[in-house]
Amino acid sequence: MKVLLSFAPLFLSALVASKSLLFAANQQTLVDNGLSVPGDNPLEFCSDPTKFILTIENVDLDPNPPQKGKNLQIKAKGNFTEKIEQDAYINLSVKYGLITLVNTKADLCEQMKQVNETCPLSGAKDITKDVTLPKEIPPGKYTVLADVYTQDDDKITCLKATVHF
């Protein structure tokens, strides 16, 4: 939940840090349906990102695909077009195959502290986060969904990824 929730600031710390269950060494390339997040990553927007408060310029992972037991560096750039106040939140879901591992609501402002950001959030952000992925990640298909909202339930962003370890 660390990478995912530390990605939330700019692209949802909540999609890369989900207890490190977000990425896999055997990742498959997704068909580009116009919803791919720019950069070297497996992320997709859940729907048309032009309607989101957070404009994600790019997200780069090194290495991509991530590898078990290795360090993963996440670099992200984006812009909040509106001020994000306290009580903004992330609905995070992580599935292993058909089994739900995580289904939680997390405080966005608390998660942003992991990348040295505090609320209110506004304007351009450039974030780098290093995470060590455990070597004990079980093989299989992981599906992650991070849906991020303001305190007034306006959509900040929504990201998803399906990866295979």
N, C-alpha and C. Protein backbone atom coordinates (compact mmCIF):
# COMPACT_ATOMS: atom_id res chain seq x y z
N MET A 1 0.82 -1.17 0.00
CA MET A 1 0.00 0.00 0.00
C MET A 1 0.87 1.23 0.00
N LYS A 2 2.15 1.04 0.25
CA LYS A 2 3.08 2.14 0.31
C LYS A 2 3.27 2.81 -1.03
N VAL A 3 3.59 2.05 -2.03
CA VAL A 3 3.87 2.64 -3.32
C VAL A 3 2.60 3.20 -3.89
N LEU A 4 1.58 2.45 -3.77
CA LEU A 4 0.32 2.88 -4.29
C LEU A 4 -0.12 4.14 -3.62
N LEU A 5 -0.03 4.18 -2.35
CA LEU A 5 -0.51 5.33 -1.62
C LEU A 5 0.50 6.44 -1.62
N SER A 6 1.68 6.22 -2.08
CA SER A 6 2.62 7.31 -2.19
C SER A 6 2.60 7.83 -3.60
N PHE A 7 1.90 7.13 -4.43
CA PHE A 7 1.73 7.52 -5.80
C PHE A 7 0.50 8.40 -5.88
N ALA A 8 -0.28 8.33 -4.89
CA ALA A 8 -1.52 9.03 -4.83
C ALA A 8 -1.40 10.48 -5.07
N PRO A 9 -0.39 11.05 -4.68
CA PRO A 9 -0.29 12.48 -4.82
C PRO A 9 -0.43 12.86 -6.24
N LEU A 10 0.33 12.31 -7.01
CA LEU A 10 0.40 12.67 -8.38
C LEU A 10 -0.23 11.70 -9.29
N PHE A 11 -0.47 10.68 -8.85
CA PHE A 11 -0.97 9.64 -9.72
C PHE A 11 -1.33 8.49 -8.88
N LEU A 12 -1.47 8.82 -7.71
CA LEU A 12 -1.96 7.85 -6.82
C LEU A 12 -0.93 7.00 -6.25
N SER A 13 -0.46 7.47 -5.30
CA SER A 13 0.50 6.69 -4.58
C SER A 13 -0.16 5.38 -4.38
N ALA A 14 -1.36 5.42 -4.45
CA ALA A 14 -2.13 4.25 -4.35
C ALA A 14 -2.12 3.38 -5.55
N LEU A 15 -1.32 3.51 -6.47
CA LEU A 15 -1.32 2.54 -7.54
C LEU A 15 0.03 1.95 -7.75
N VAL A 16 0.94 2.32 -7.04
CA VAL A 16 2.22 1.72 -7.22
C VAL A 16 2.72 1.21 -5.91
N ALA A 17 2.09 1.59 -4.85
CA ALA A 17 2.64 1.19 -3.58
C ALA A 17 1.78 0.23 -2.84
N SER A 18 0.81 -0.30 -3.45
CA SER A 18 -0.10 -1.17 -2.79
C SER A 18 0.61 -2.37 -2.21
N LYS A 19 1.21 -2.19 -1.11
CA LYS A 19 1.95 -3.25 -0.43
C LYS A 19 2.83 -3.96 -1.43
N SER A 20 3.27 -3.17 -2.40
CA SER A 20 4.17 -3.71 -3.41
C SER A 20 3.55 -4.82 -4.23
N LEU A 21 2.24 -4.89 -4.26
CA LEU A 21 1.58 -5.94 -5.03
C LEU A 21 1.15 -5.46 -6.39
N LEU A 22 1.60 -4.30 -6.76
CA LEU A 22 1.13 -3.66 -7.95
C LEU A 22 1.81 -4.04 -9.22
N PHE A 23 3.05 -4.43 -9.17
CA PHE A 23 3.75 -4.67 -10.40
C PHE A 23 4.40 -6.03 -10.41
N ALA A 24 4.70 -6.50 -11.57
CA ALA A 24 5.24 -7.85 -11.65
C ALA A 24 6.36 -7.95 -12.66
N ALA A 25 7.14 -8.95 -12.48
CA ALA A 25 8.29 -9.15 -13.35
C ALA A 25 7.89 -9.67 -14.72
N ASN A 26 6.73 -10.25 -14.83
CA ASN A 26 6.29 -10.83 -16.08
C ASN A 26 5.13 -10.05 -16.66
N GLN A 27 5.17 -8.78 -16.56
CA GLN A 27 4.09 -7.92 -16.93
C GLN A 27 3.76 -8.00 -18.42
N GLN A 28 2.48 -8.03 -18.73
CA GLN A 28 2.07 -8.07 -20.12
C GLN A 28 1.75 -6.66 -20.59
N THR A 29 2.03 -6.38 -21.85
CA THR A 29 1.70 -5.08 -22.41
C THR A 29 0.21 -5.02 -22.68
N LEU A 30 -0.40 -3.94 -22.22
CA LEU A 30 -1.84 -3.76 -22.43
C LEU A 30 -2.08 -3.12 -23.79
N VAL A 31 -3.20 -3.42 -24.38
CA VAL A 31 -3.58 -2.80 -25.63
C VAL A 31 -3.86 -1.33 -25.37
N ASP A 32 -3.31 -0.44 -26.19
CA ASP A 32 -3.51 0.98 -25.98
C ASP A 32 -4.90 1.37 -26.44
N ASN A 33 -5.73 1.73 -25.48
CA ASN A 33 -7.11 2.12 -25.78
C ASN A 33 -7.29 3.62 -25.57
N GLY A 34 -6.19 4.35 -25.56
CA GLY A 34 -6.26 5.79 -25.34
C GLY A 34 -6.30 6.17 -23.87
N LEU A 35 -6.28 5.20 -22.99
CA LEU A 35 -6.35 5.47 -21.55
C LEU A 35 -5.02 5.18 -20.85
N SER A 36 -3.99 4.86 -21.59
CA SER A 36 -2.69 4.59 -20.98
C SER A 36 -2.13 5.85 -20.34
N VAL A 37 -1.56 5.69 -19.15
CA VAL A 37 -0.90 6.81 -18.47
C VAL A 37 0.43 7.05 -19.18
N PRO A 38 0.74 8.29 -19.56
CA PRO A 38 2.00 8.57 -20.26
C PRO A 38 3.22 8.14 -19.44
N GLY A 39 4.24 7.64 -20.13
CA GLY A 39 5.48 7.26 -19.47
C GLY A 39 5.73 5.76 -19.56
N ASP A 40 6.79 5.33 -18.89
CA ASP A 40 7.20 3.94 -18.90
C ASP A 40 6.59 3.23 -17.70
N ASN A 41 5.36 2.73 -17.84
CA ASN A 41 4.60 2.15 -16.73
C ASN A 41 3.44 1.31 -17.27
N PRO A 42 2.83 0.50 -16.40
CA PRO A 42 1.68 -0.34 -16.82
C PRO A 42 0.33 0.28 -16.46
N LEU A 43 0.30 1.54 -16.08
CA LEU A 43 -0.93 2.16 -15.59
C LEU A 43 -1.87 2.60 -16.70
N GLU A 44 -3.16 2.55 -16.37
CA GLU A 44 -4.21 3.07 -17.25
C GLU A 44 -5.14 3.93 -16.43
N PHE A 45 -5.72 4.93 -17.06
CA PHE A 45 -6.80 5.69 -16.44
C PHE A 45 -8.07 4.84 -16.50
N CYS A 46 -8.93 4.99 -15.52
CA CYS A 46 -10.19 4.24 -15.50
C CYS A 46 -11.18 4.78 -16.52
N SER A 47 -11.07 6.07 -16.82
CA SER A 47 -11.96 6.73 -17.78
C SER A 47 -11.24 7.96 -18.31
N ASP A 48 -11.91 8.76 -19.10
CA ASP A 48 -11.34 9.94 -19.73
C ASP A 48 -10.67 10.85 -18.71
N PRO A 49 -9.32 10.97 -18.74
CA PRO A 49 -8.61 11.76 -17.74
C PRO A 49 -8.79 13.27 -17.88
N THR A 50 -9.37 13.74 -18.98
CA THR A 50 -9.56 15.18 -19.14
C THR A 50 -10.59 15.72 -18.15
N LYS A 51 -11.34 14.82 -17.52
CA LYS A 51 -12.36 15.24 -16.55
C LYS A 51 -11.84 15.20 -15.12
N PHE A 52 -10.57 14.78 -14.93
CA PHE A 52 -10.01 14.65 -13.59
C PHE A 52 -9.35 15.95 -13.12
N ILE A 53 -9.30 16.14 -11.83
CA ILE A 53 -8.64 17.31 -11.22
C ILE A 53 -7.12 17.20 -11.34
N LEU A 54 -6.60 15.99 -11.29
CA LEU A 54 -5.16 15.78 -11.43
C LEU A 54 -4.82 15.43 -12.88
N THR A 55 -4.02 16.26 -13.51
CA THR A 55 -3.53 16.00 -14.85
C THR A 55 -2.16 15.33 -14.70
N ILE A 56 -2.06 14.08 -15.09
CA ILE A 56 -0.80 13.36 -14.98
C ILE A 56 -0.02 13.53 -16.28
N GLU A 57 1.17 14.15 -16.17
CA GLU A 57 2.02 14.34 -17.34
C GLU A 57 2.75 13.06 -17.69
N ASN A 58 3.32 12.39 -16.68
CA ASN A 58 3.99 11.12 -16.93
C ASN A 58 4.30 10.42 -15.61
N VAL A 59 4.45 9.10 -15.72
CA VAL A 59 4.87 8.24 -14.61
C VAL A 59 5.88 7.26 -15.21
N ASP A 60 7.08 7.25 -14.62
CA ASP A 60 8.12 6.34 -15.09
C ASP A 60 8.54 5.41 -13.96
N LEU A 61 8.66 4.13 -14.27
CA LEU A 61 9.13 3.13 -13.32
C LEU A 61 10.50 2.64 -13.78
N ASP A 62 11.39 2.46 -12.81
CA ASP A 62 12.71 1.92 -13.11
C ASP A 62 13.06 0.89 -12.05
N PRO A 63 13.12 -0.40 -12.41
CA PRO A 63 12.95 -0.93 -13.77
C PRO A 63 11.48 -1.12 -14.12
N ASN A 64 11.21 -1.17 -15.40
CA ASN A 64 9.88 -1.51 -15.88
C ASN A 64 10.04 -2.65 -16.87
N PRO A 65 9.55 -3.83 -16.58
CA PRO A 65 8.67 -4.12 -15.45
C PRO A 65 9.45 -4.23 -14.13
N PRO A 66 8.77 -3.93 -13.02
CA PRO A 66 9.39 -4.10 -11.70
C PRO A 66 9.74 -5.56 -11.45
N GLN A 67 10.69 -5.77 -10.56
CA GLN A 67 11.15 -7.12 -10.28
C GLN A 67 11.12 -7.41 -8.79
N LYS A 68 10.69 -8.63 -8.44
CA LYS A 68 10.65 -9.07 -7.04
C LYS A 68 12.03 -8.93 -6.41
N GLY A 69 12.04 -8.46 -5.15
CA GLY A 69 13.29 -8.37 -4.41
C GLY A 69 14.21 -7.26 -4.86
N LYS A 70 13.76 -6.41 -5.73
CA LYS A 70 14.58 -5.31 -6.26
C LYS A 70 13.99 -3.96 -5.87
N ASN A 71 14.83 -2.93 -5.95
CA ASN A 71 14.35 -1.57 -5.73
C ASN A 71 13.58 -1.11 -6.95
N LEU A 72 12.50 -0.38 -6.69
CA LEU A 72 11.69 0.20 -7.76
C LEU A 72 11.67 1.70 -7.54
N GLN A 73 12.07 2.46 -8.55
CA GLN A 73 11.99 3.92 -8.45
C GLN A 73 10.81 4.39 -9.29
N ILE A 74 9.98 5.21 -8.66
CA ILE A 74 8.79 5.76 -9.31
C ILE A 74 8.99 7.27 -9.43
N LYS A 75 8.91 7.78 -10.64
CA LYS A 75 8.99 9.22 -10.88
C LYS A 75 7.69 9.64 -11.54
N ALA A 76 7.07 10.68 -11.00
CA ALA A 76 5.79 11.12 -11.56
C ALA A 76 5.72 12.64 -11.59
N LYS A 77 5.04 13.13 -12.59
CA LYS A 77 4.81 14.56 -12.76
C LYS A 77 3.34 14.77 -13.05
N GLY A 78 2.78 15.79 -12.41
CA GLY A 78 1.39 16.09 -12.67
C GLY A 78 1.02 17.46 -12.17
N ASN A 79 -0.24 17.83 -12.36
CA ASN A 79 -0.71 19.15 -11.98
C ASN A 79 -2.13 19.06 -11.43
N PHE A 80 -2.31 19.57 -10.22
CA PHE A 80 -3.65 19.67 -9.64
C PHE A 80 -4.28 20.96 -10.15
N THR A 81 -5.41 20.84 -10.85
CA THR A 81 -6.06 22.03 -11.42
C THR A 81 -6.97 22.72 -10.41
N GLU A 82 -7.20 22.07 -9.27
CA GLU A 82 -7.96 22.66 -8.17
C GLU A 82 -7.23 22.34 -6.87
N LYS A 83 -7.48 23.12 -5.84
CA LYS A 83 -6.87 22.88 -4.54
C LYS A 83 -7.53 21.68 -3.87
N ILE A 84 -6.69 20.76 -3.39
CA ILE A 84 -7.18 19.56 -2.71
C ILE A 84 -6.98 19.75 -1.21
N GLU A 85 -8.09 19.75 -0.48
CA GLU A 85 -8.08 20.01 0.96
C GLU A 85 -8.09 18.71 1.76
N GLN A 86 -8.01 18.85 3.08
CA GLN A 86 -8.12 17.72 4.00
C GLN A 86 -9.40 16.94 3.70
N ASP A 87 -9.39 15.67 4.07
CA ASP A 87 -10.52 14.75 3.90
C ASP A 87 -10.69 14.24 2.48
N ALA A 88 -9.73 14.54 1.59
CA ALA A 88 -9.72 13.88 0.29
C ALA A 88 -9.35 12.42 0.56
N TYR A 89 -9.78 11.50 -0.30
CA TYR A 89 -9.57 10.10 0.01
C TYR A 89 -9.33 9.25 -1.25
N ILE A 90 -8.80 8.05 -0.98
CA ILE A 90 -8.51 7.07 -2.02
C ILE A 90 -9.31 5.80 -1.71
N ASN A 91 -10.09 5.34 -2.66
CA ASN A 91 -10.69 4.01 -2.56
C ASN A 91 -9.73 3.07 -3.28
N LEU A 92 -9.17 2.14 -2.54
CA LEU A 92 -8.15 1.26 -3.08
C LEU A 92 -8.59 -0.19 -3.02
N SER A 93 -8.43 -0.87 -4.14
CA SER A 93 -8.77 -2.29 -4.22
C SER A 93 -7.59 -3.03 -4.86
N VAL A 94 -7.17 -4.12 -4.23
CA VAL A 94 -6.12 -4.97 -4.78
C VAL A 94 -6.66 -6.39 -4.77
N LYS A 95 -6.61 -7.03 -5.94
CA LYS A 95 -7.08 -8.42 -6.06
C LYS A 95 -5.94 -9.30 -6.53
N TYR A 96 -5.91 -10.50 -6.01
CA TYR A 96 -4.99 -11.55 -6.44
C TYR A 96 -5.87 -12.59 -7.11
N GLY A 97 -5.86 -12.59 -8.45
CA GLY A 97 -6.82 -13.42 -9.17
C GLY A 97 -8.21 -12.90 -8.86
N LEU A 98 -9.08 -13.77 -8.33
CA LEU A 98 -10.44 -13.36 -7.95
C LEU A 98 -10.55 -13.00 -6.47
N ILE A 99 -9.46 -13.16 -5.73
CA ILE A 99 -9.48 -12.92 -4.28
C ILE A 99 -9.12 -11.48 -3.97
N THR A 100 -9.98 -10.79 -3.23
CA THR A 100 -9.71 -9.42 -2.83
C THR A 100 -8.76 -9.43 -1.64
N LEU A 101 -7.59 -8.83 -1.82
CA LEU A 101 -6.59 -8.73 -0.75
C LEU A 101 -6.76 -7.45 0.05
N VAL A 102 -7.07 -6.36 -0.66
CA VAL A 102 -7.23 -5.05 -0.03
C VAL A 102 -8.46 -4.39 -0.61
N ASN A 103 -9.29 -3.86 0.23
CA ASN A 103 -10.43 -3.05 -0.19
C ASN A 103 -10.61 -2.02 0.92
N THR A 104 -10.02 -0.83 0.71
CA THR A 104 -9.98 0.13 1.80
C THR A 104 -10.15 1.56 1.30
N LYS A 105 -10.48 2.42 2.24
CA LYS A 105 -10.56 3.85 1.99
C LYS A 105 -9.44 4.49 2.81
N ALA A 106 -8.54 5.21 2.14
CA ALA A 106 -7.40 5.82 2.81
C ALA A 106 -7.44 7.34 2.66
N ASP A 107 -6.90 8.02 3.65
CA ASP A 107 -6.82 9.48 3.65
C ASP A 107 -5.70 9.92 2.69
N LEU A 108 -6.05 10.65 1.64
CA LEU A 108 -5.06 11.08 0.66
C LEU A 108 -3.99 11.95 1.29
N CYS A 109 -4.37 12.89 2.14
CA CYS A 109 -3.39 13.80 2.74
C CYS A 109 -2.40 13.06 3.62
N GLU A 110 -2.85 12.03 4.32
CA GLU A 110 -1.94 11.21 5.13
C GLU A 110 -0.96 10.47 4.23
N GLN A 111 -1.44 9.94 3.12
CA GLN A 111 -0.59 9.21 2.20
C GLN A 111 0.44 10.12 1.52
N MET A 112 0.08 11.36 1.29
CA MET A 112 0.98 12.30 0.64
C MET A 112 2.21 12.60 1.49
N LYS A 113 2.09 12.43 2.78
CA LYS A 113 3.23 12.66 3.68
C LYS A 113 4.38 11.72 3.36
N GLN A 114 4.08 10.55 2.78
CA GLN A 114 5.12 9.59 2.40
C GLN A 114 6.03 10.11 1.30
N VAL A 115 5.58 11.13 0.58
CA VAL A 115 6.39 11.75 -0.47
C VAL A 115 6.65 13.22 -0.16
N ASN A 116 6.64 13.52 1.12
CA ASN A 116 6.96 14.87 1.62
C ASN A 116 6.06 15.97 1.07
N GLU A 117 4.80 15.66 0.90
CA GLU A 117 3.80 16.64 0.47
C GLU A 117 2.72 16.74 1.54
N THR A 118 2.14 17.92 1.67
CA THR A 118 1.07 18.11 2.65
C THR A 118 -0.11 18.82 1.98
N CYS A 119 -1.28 18.61 2.55
CA CYS A 119 -2.47 19.30 2.06
C CYS A 119 -2.52 20.69 2.67
N PRO A 120 -3.05 21.67 1.94
CA PRO A 120 -3.72 21.52 0.64
C PRO A 120 -2.71 21.27 -0.48
N LEU A 121 -3.15 20.47 -1.45
CA LEU A 121 -2.34 20.17 -2.63
C LEU A 121 -2.85 21.03 -3.78
N SER A 122 -1.92 21.63 -4.50
CA SER A 122 -2.33 22.41 -5.68
C SER A 122 -1.13 22.60 -6.60
N GLY A 123 -1.43 22.89 -7.85
CA GLY A 123 -0.38 23.18 -8.81
C GLY A 123 0.44 21.97 -9.23
N ALA A 124 1.60 22.28 -9.81
CA ALA A 124 2.49 21.25 -10.36
C ALA A 124 3.20 20.50 -9.25
N LYS A 125 3.35 19.19 -9.45
CA LYS A 125 4.05 18.32 -8.52
C LYS A 125 5.00 17.43 -9.31
N ASP A 126 6.17 17.21 -8.73
CA ASP A 126 7.18 16.32 -9.32
C ASP A 126 7.67 15.44 -8.18
N ILE A 127 7.34 14.16 -8.23
CA ILE A 127 7.58 13.27 -7.10
C ILE A 127 8.44 12.09 -7.51
N THR A 128 9.36 11.73 -6.63
CA THR A 128 10.15 10.52 -6.81
C THR A 128 10.02 9.68 -5.55
N LYS A 129 9.80 8.39 -5.70
CA LYS A 129 9.63 7.48 -4.57
C LYS A 129 10.38 6.19 -4.89
N ASP A 130 11.22 5.76 -3.93
CA ASP A 130 11.92 4.48 -4.05
C ASP A 130 11.27 3.48 -3.12
N VAL A 131 11.04 2.28 -3.64
CA VAL A 131 10.39 1.22 -2.88
C VAL A 131 11.14 -0.08 -3.15
N THR A 132 11.35 -0.87 -2.11
CA THR A 132 11.93 -2.20 -2.30
C THR A 132 10.79 -3.20 -2.36
N LEU A 133 10.69 -3.91 -3.46
CA LEU A 133 9.65 -4.91 -3.62
C LEU A 133 10.12 -6.21 -2.96
N PRO A 134 9.27 -6.82 -2.14
CA PRO A 134 9.68 -8.07 -1.49
C PRO A 134 9.89 -9.20 -2.50
N LYS A 135 10.85 -10.07 -2.22
CA LYS A 135 11.08 -11.19 -3.13
C LYS A 135 10.07 -12.30 -2.92
N GLU A 136 9.28 -12.20 -1.84
CA GLU A 136 8.30 -13.24 -1.51
C GLU A 136 6.93 -13.01 -2.15
N ILE A 137 6.80 -12.11 -3.08
CA ILE A 137 5.51 -11.87 -3.71
C ILE A 137 5.08 -13.14 -4.44
N PRO A 138 3.92 -13.70 -4.10
CA PRO A 138 3.46 -14.93 -4.76
C PRO A 138 3.19 -14.71 -6.25
N PRO A 139 3.50 -15.70 -7.07
CA PRO A 139 3.22 -15.56 -8.50
C PRO A 139 1.71 -15.52 -8.75
N GLY A 140 1.32 -14.79 -9.76
CA GLY A 140 -0.09 -14.73 -10.11
C GLY A 140 -0.46 -13.38 -10.69
N LYS A 141 -1.75 -13.22 -10.94
CA LYS A 141 -2.30 -11.99 -11.52
C LYS A 141 -2.81 -11.08 -10.41
N TYR A 142 -2.36 -9.83 -10.43
CA TYR A 142 -2.79 -8.82 -9.46
C TYR A 142 -3.49 -7.70 -10.22
N THR A 143 -4.63 -7.29 -9.69
CA THR A 143 -5.39 -6.18 -10.27
C THR A 143 -5.53 -5.11 -9.21
N VAL A 144 -5.13 -3.88 -9.56
CA VAL A 144 -5.17 -2.77 -8.61
C VAL A 144 -6.05 -1.67 -9.18
N LEU A 145 -6.88 -1.10 -8.33
CA LEU A 145 -7.73 0.02 -8.70
C LEU A 145 -7.61 1.08 -7.61
N ALA A 146 -7.25 2.29 -8.00
CA ALA A 146 -7.17 3.41 -7.06
C ALA A 146 -8.04 4.53 -7.61
N ASP A 147 -9.10 4.83 -6.88
CA ASP A 147 -10.07 5.85 -7.26
C ASP A 147 -9.96 6.97 -6.22
N VAL A 148 -9.61 8.19 -6.65
CA VAL A 148 -9.26 9.27 -5.72
C VAL A 148 -10.27 10.42 -5.83
N TYR A 149 -10.75 10.87 -4.66
CA TYR A 149 -11.79 11.90 -4.61
C TYR A 149 -11.45 13.03 -3.64
N THR A 150 -12.04 14.20 -3.91
CA THR A 150 -11.95 15.33 -2.97
C THR A 150 -12.88 15.07 -1.79
N GLN A 151 -12.81 15.94 -0.81
CA GLN A 151 -13.70 15.84 0.34
C GLN A 151 -15.16 16.01 -0.08
N ASP A 152 -15.40 16.63 -1.25
CA ASP A 152 -16.76 16.82 -1.76
C ASP A 152 -17.14 15.77 -2.81
N ASP A 153 -16.36 14.70 -2.90
CA ASP A 153 -16.61 13.58 -3.82
C ASP A 153 -16.44 13.92 -5.29
N ASP A 154 -15.62 14.94 -5.59
CA ASP A 154 -15.25 15.23 -6.98
C ASP A 154 -14.04 14.36 -7.32
N LYS A 155 -14.01 13.80 -8.53
CA LYS A 155 -12.94 12.87 -8.90
C LYS A 155 -11.62 13.60 -9.15
N ILE A 156 -10.59 13.19 -8.40
CA ILE A 156 -9.24 13.71 -8.59
C ILE A 156 -8.56 12.93 -9.71
N THR A 157 -8.59 11.61 -9.62
CA THR A 157 -8.09 10.73 -10.67
C THR A 157 -8.56 9.31 -10.38
N CYS A 158 -8.36 8.44 -11.34
CA CYS A 158 -8.65 7.02 -11.17
C CYS A 158 -7.65 6.26 -12.02
N LEU A 159 -6.93 5.34 -11.39
CA LEU A 159 -5.91 4.55 -12.07
C LEU A 159 -6.12 3.07 -11.82
N LYS A 160 -5.71 2.27 -12.80
CA LYS A 160 -5.81 0.82 -12.64
C LYS A 160 -4.61 0.17 -13.31
N ALA A 161 -4.32 -1.04 -12.86
CA ALA A 161 -3.24 -1.81 -13.46
C ALA A 161 -3.52 -3.29 -13.22
N THR A 162 -3.15 -4.09 -14.19
CA THR A 162 -3.19 -5.54 -14.03
C THR A 162 -1.78 -6.02 -14.35
N VAL A 163 -1.19 -6.75 -13.40
CA VAL A 163 0.18 -7.20 -13.58
C VAL A 163 0.28 -8.67 -13.19
N HIS A 164 1.33 -9.30 -13.67
CA HIS A 164 1.55 -10.72 -13.40
C HIS A 164 2.94 -10.90 -12.79
N PHE A 165 2.99 -11.59 -11.67
CA PHE A 165 4.29 -11.92 -11.07
C PHE A 165 4.68 -13.29 -11.55
